[in-house]
Protein backbone atom coordinates (compact mmCIF):
# COMPACT_ATOMS: atom_id res chain seq x y z
CA MET A 1 81.01 282.71 29.54
CA GLU A 2 82.05 280.61 26.63
CA MET A 3 82.10 281.71 22.99
CA LYS A 4 80.97 279.24 20.34
CA MET A 5 80.84 279.41 16.57
CA SER A 6 77.50 278.72 15.01
CA VAL A 7 77.00 276.99 11.68
CA HIS A 8 77.03 280.29 9.77
CA GLY A 9 80.19 281.69 11.26
CA GLU A 10 78.83 284.20 13.76
CA THR A 11 79.73 283.84 17.39
CA ARG A 12 77.31 283.67 20.25
CA LYS A 13 77.68 283.50 24.00
CA ILE A 14 76.69 280.31 25.80
CA ALA A 15 76.34 281.07 29.47
CA PHE A 16 74.90 277.75 30.60
CA ALA A 17 77.10 275.23 28.80
CA PRO A 18 79.38 274.47 31.78
CA ALA A 19 76.38 274.25 34.11
CA GLY A 20 74.62 271.91 31.69
CA GLU A 21 77.66 269.66 31.50
CA MET A 22 77.87 269.61 35.27
CA LEU A 23 74.16 268.81 35.57
CA ALA A 24 74.51 265.97 33.06
CA ALA A 25 77.48 264.57 35.00
CA LEU A 26 75.52 264.79 38.26
CA CYS A 27 72.55 263.00 36.68
CA LEU A 28 74.79 260.20 35.41
CA ALA A 29 76.41 259.88 38.84
CA ALA A 30 72.98 259.76 40.51
CA VAL A 31 71.76 257.05 38.14
CA SER A 32 74.93 255.04 38.73
CA LEU A 33 74.60 255.42 42.50
CA ALA A 34 70.93 254.40 42.40
CA GLY A 35 71.83 251.29 40.40
CA HIS A 36 74.56 250.38 42.86
CA ALA A 37 72.20 250.94 45.80
CA ALA A 38 69.56 248.71 44.21
CA LYS A 39 72.11 245.96 43.62
CA THR A 40 73.35 246.21 47.21
CA ALA A 41 69.78 246.12 48.51
CA GLY A 42 69.16 242.97 46.47
CA VAL A 43 72.25 241.28 47.92
CA ILE A 44 71.23 242.20 51.46
CA GLY A 45 67.65 241.07 50.83
CA ARG A 46 68.80 237.66 49.59
CA ALA A 47 71.10 237.30 52.61
CA ILE A 48 68.20 238.06 54.96
CA ASP A 49 65.98 235.53 53.15
CA ARG A 50 68.64 232.83 53.44
CA ARG A 51 69.13 233.53 57.14
CA ARG A 52 65.35 233.28 57.61
CA VAL A 53 65.41 229.84 55.95
CA MET A 54 68.23 228.79 58.27
CA SER A 55 66.17 229.94 61.26
CA GLU A 56 63.21 227.88 60.06
CA LEU A 57 65.45 224.83 59.62
CA ALA A 58 66.83 225.33 63.14
CA ASN A 59 63.26 225.05 64.46
CA LEU A 60 62.89 221.53 63.00
CA ASP A 61 63.59 218.55 65.24
CA ASP A 62 66.63 216.33 64.68
CA ARG A 63 64.59 213.60 62.99
CA MET A 64 63.25 216.02 60.39
CA LEU A 65 66.72 217.42 59.78
CA ARG A 66 68.06 213.89 59.32
CA ASP A 67 65.27 213.24 56.78
CA ILE A 68 66.53 216.09 54.62
CA GLY A 69 70.14 215.01 55.07
CA VAL A 70 71.55 217.61 57.45
CA THR A 71 72.39 217.77 61.13
CA ARG A 72 72.16 220.52 63.70
CA SER A 73 75.94 220.94 63.55
CA ASP A 74 75.64 221.47 59.77
CA LEU A 75 73.27 224.35 60.52
CA ARG A 76 75.72 225.84 63.02
CA ASP A 77 78.60 225.52 60.55
CA ALA A 78 76.56 227.04 57.74
CA THR A 79 75.56 230.09 59.76
CA SER A 80 79.02 230.68 61.22
CA GLY A 81 80.28 232.24 57.98
CA PRO A 82 80.11 235.89 56.97
CA LEU A 83 76.62 237.42 56.88
CA LEU A 84 76.48 237.86 53.09
CA ASP A 85 77.72 234.32 52.33
CA ASP A 86 75.09 231.80 51.27
CA PRO A 87 74.71 229.32 54.17
CA THR A 88 72.60 226.98 52.04
CA ARG A 89 75.69 226.10 49.99
CA VAL A 90 77.24 224.50 53.07
CA LEU A 91 74.07 222.52 53.72
CA ILE A 92 73.88 221.31 50.13
CA LEU A 93 77.53 220.26 50.23
CA ARG A 94 77.13 218.41 53.54
CA ALA A 95 73.96 216.61 52.43
CA THR A 96 75.58 215.60 49.13
CA GLU A 97 78.68 214.30 50.91
CA ARG A 98 76.55 212.32 53.36
CA ARG A 99 74.48 210.72 50.56
CA ALA A 100 77.63 209.82 48.60
CA ALA A 101 79.20 208.25 51.70
CA ALA A 102 76.02 206.24 52.35
CA ARG A 103 75.98 205.00 48.75
CA LEU A 104 79.62 203.94 48.97
CA ALA A 105 79.00 202.17 52.27
CA GLY A 106 76.02 200.36 50.71
CA ARG A 107 78.13 199.24 47.75
CA ALA A 108 80.90 198.03 50.06
CA GLN A 109 78.42 195.90 52.01
CA GLN A 110 77.10 194.33 48.79
CA HIS A 111 80.56 193.09 47.78
């Protein structure tokens, strides 16, 4: 038991102060853990959504993939990375590179 001075100078016994501090610390830890779990669940959910999009793209035929500027090998490369990486970044990069190369080739033919 802990002795504390009150405002008027008398002492009183506080039996639950250490337990209260421990309970407060446990509550803070639980809130922190819940926040971390929610963040992790969000990351995993986004990764699953992106993989679902990649699966839908893989079901398109080669002509449709070419129309959006990617190839089947781009899809394979994009999904070969770690599970939590964003495979759409690879597709965006490949499509952008392909469009830039086509523009440069078009300019070279004009001159």
